[in-house]
Each structure stands twice: as structure tokens, then as C-alpha cells.
Protein backbone atom coordinates (compact mmCIF):
# COMPACT_ATOMS: atom_id res chain seq x y z
CA MET A 1 -11.45 54.06 32.29
CA PRO A 2 -8.45 51.87 31.36
CA ARG A 3 -7.95 50.79 27.78
CA LYS A 4 -8.82 47.22 26.83
CA SER A 5 -6.04 44.85 25.81
CA ALA A 6 -5.87 43.33 22.34
CA ALA A 7 -6.98 39.99 23.80
CA ALA A 8 -10.01 41.61 25.45
CA LEU A 9 -10.93 43.34 22.21
CA ALA A 10 -10.63 40.05 20.30
CA THR A 11 -12.94 38.22 22.71
CA GLN A 12 -16.48 37.96 21.43
CA PRO A 13 -19.18 39.11 23.84
CA ILE A 14 -21.44 36.32 25.06
CA PHE A 15 -24.41 38.48 26.08
CA THR A 16 -25.71 40.70 23.33
CA ALA A 17 -29.39 41.02 24.16
CA LYS A 18 -29.63 40.99 27.94
CA ARG A 19 -27.59 40.84 31.11
CA PRO A 20 -26.52 37.43 32.49
CA GLN A 21 -28.89 35.96 35.05
CA PRO A 22 -27.57 34.65 38.39
CA PRO A 23 -26.68 30.94 38.30
CA ASP A 24 -29.13 28.50 39.83
CA GLY A 25 -28.31 27.74 43.44
CA LEU A 26 -26.95 31.16 44.41
CA PRO A 27 -28.46 32.24 47.74
CA PRO A 28 -30.80 35.25 47.46
CA GLY A 29 -28.25 37.72 48.84
CA ALA A 30 -25.56 36.51 46.48
CA ALA A 31 -27.99 36.60 43.56
CA ALA A 32 -28.89 40.19 44.45
CA LEU A 33 -25.21 41.14 44.39
CA TRP A 34 -24.85 39.42 40.99
CA VAL A 35 -27.76 41.46 39.59
CA SER A 36 -26.33 44.65 41.09
CA ILE A 37 -22.88 44.07 39.57
CA CYS A 38 -24.25 43.10 36.17
CA GLY A 39 -26.58 46.09 36.22
CA GLY A 40 -23.68 48.47 36.80
CA VAL A 41 -21.71 47.56 33.68
CA ASP A 42 -22.29 47.45 29.94
CA VAL A 43 -24.27 44.42 28.71
CA ASN A 44 -21.23 43.13 26.82
CA TYR A 45 -18.74 43.75 29.64
CA PHE A 46 -18.32 40.11 30.72
CA SER A 47 -16.75 37.29 28.74
CA THR A 48 -17.34 33.57 29.25
CA GLY A 49 -14.50 33.11 31.74
CA ASP A 50 -15.73 35.95 33.91
CA MET A 51 -18.90 34.12 34.95
CA VAL A 52 -17.07 31.66 37.22
CA LEU A 53 -15.15 34.49 38.87
CA LEU A 54 -18.27 36.59 39.32
CA GLU A 55 -20.08 33.65 40.93
CA ALA A 56 -17.12 33.04 43.26
CA LEU A 57 -17.08 36.73 44.23
CA CYS A 58 -20.80 36.69 45.01
CA MET A 59 -20.48 33.52 47.11
CA ALA A 60 -17.44 34.87 48.98
CA ASP A 61 -19.35 38.05 49.81
CA HIS A 62 -22.31 35.95 50.97
CA GLN A 63 -20.10 33.80 53.23
CA LYS A 64 -18.41 36.87 54.69
CA ARG A 65 -21.77 38.41 55.53
CA LEU A 66 -22.82 35.19 57.30
CA CYS A 67 -19.58 35.17 59.30
CA ASP A 68 -19.97 38.83 60.19
CA ALA A 69 -23.49 38.15 61.47
CA LEU A 70 -22.26 35.30 63.68
CA VAL A 71 -19.46 37.40 65.15
CA LEU A 72 -21.85 40.29 65.72
CA ARG A 73 -24.32 37.97 67.46
CA ASP A 74 -21.87 35.85 69.51
CA GLY A 75 -18.66 37.91 69.56
CA PRO A 76 -15.27 36.78 68.32
CA ILE A 77 -15.01 34.28 71.19
CA THR A 78 -18.09 32.18 71.97
CA SER A 79 -19.32 31.53 75.51
CA ASP A 80 -17.54 28.17 75.63
CA GLY A 81 -14.20 29.81 74.77
CA ALA A 82 -14.10 28.67 71.13
CA ILE A 83 -13.12 31.07 68.40
CA ASN A 84 -16.18 32.06 66.43
């Protein structure tokens, strides 16, 4: 595991008692990914600024899965010739 920088060591953890809960409004699949990621690291792994990035990652993964499902269902080119 890589060593932490001095700045990372100086940052106070924001979660000392429990893991961060998914933000309100995350779709169920994205919230499940959030819980999975947070469950795989130490409770104090994330800092305040990481929460926005983690939420963006979960939403990007959710959107990609939706796009993959559409392409799987309709193909890369739809029946009217439009790009899916």
C-alpha cells in the first residue's frame, strides 16, 4: 500500500464512528456501489473532499450501466438508424 502524503496525514478524519451513508437521491444501484466501496476501506479512509468524488464515481457507474443496458437491448444503432 502506498505511503500517505504529509497533507493526507494532516487531514482530520470526518468519520470516526461509522462509515459514510450514501447521499440522498442516489439511485439504488449507485447507493449499493457506495456502500460496497465504503465497506472495503478503513472507516477513516475518506476525507471531506472525497465525498463529492465518490458520489460522482457512483453516478458515472450508474449511468454507464444504463447505457450498456440500452445498447444490449437495442444495439449500437437503433432501428431508425440513430446512434444509440
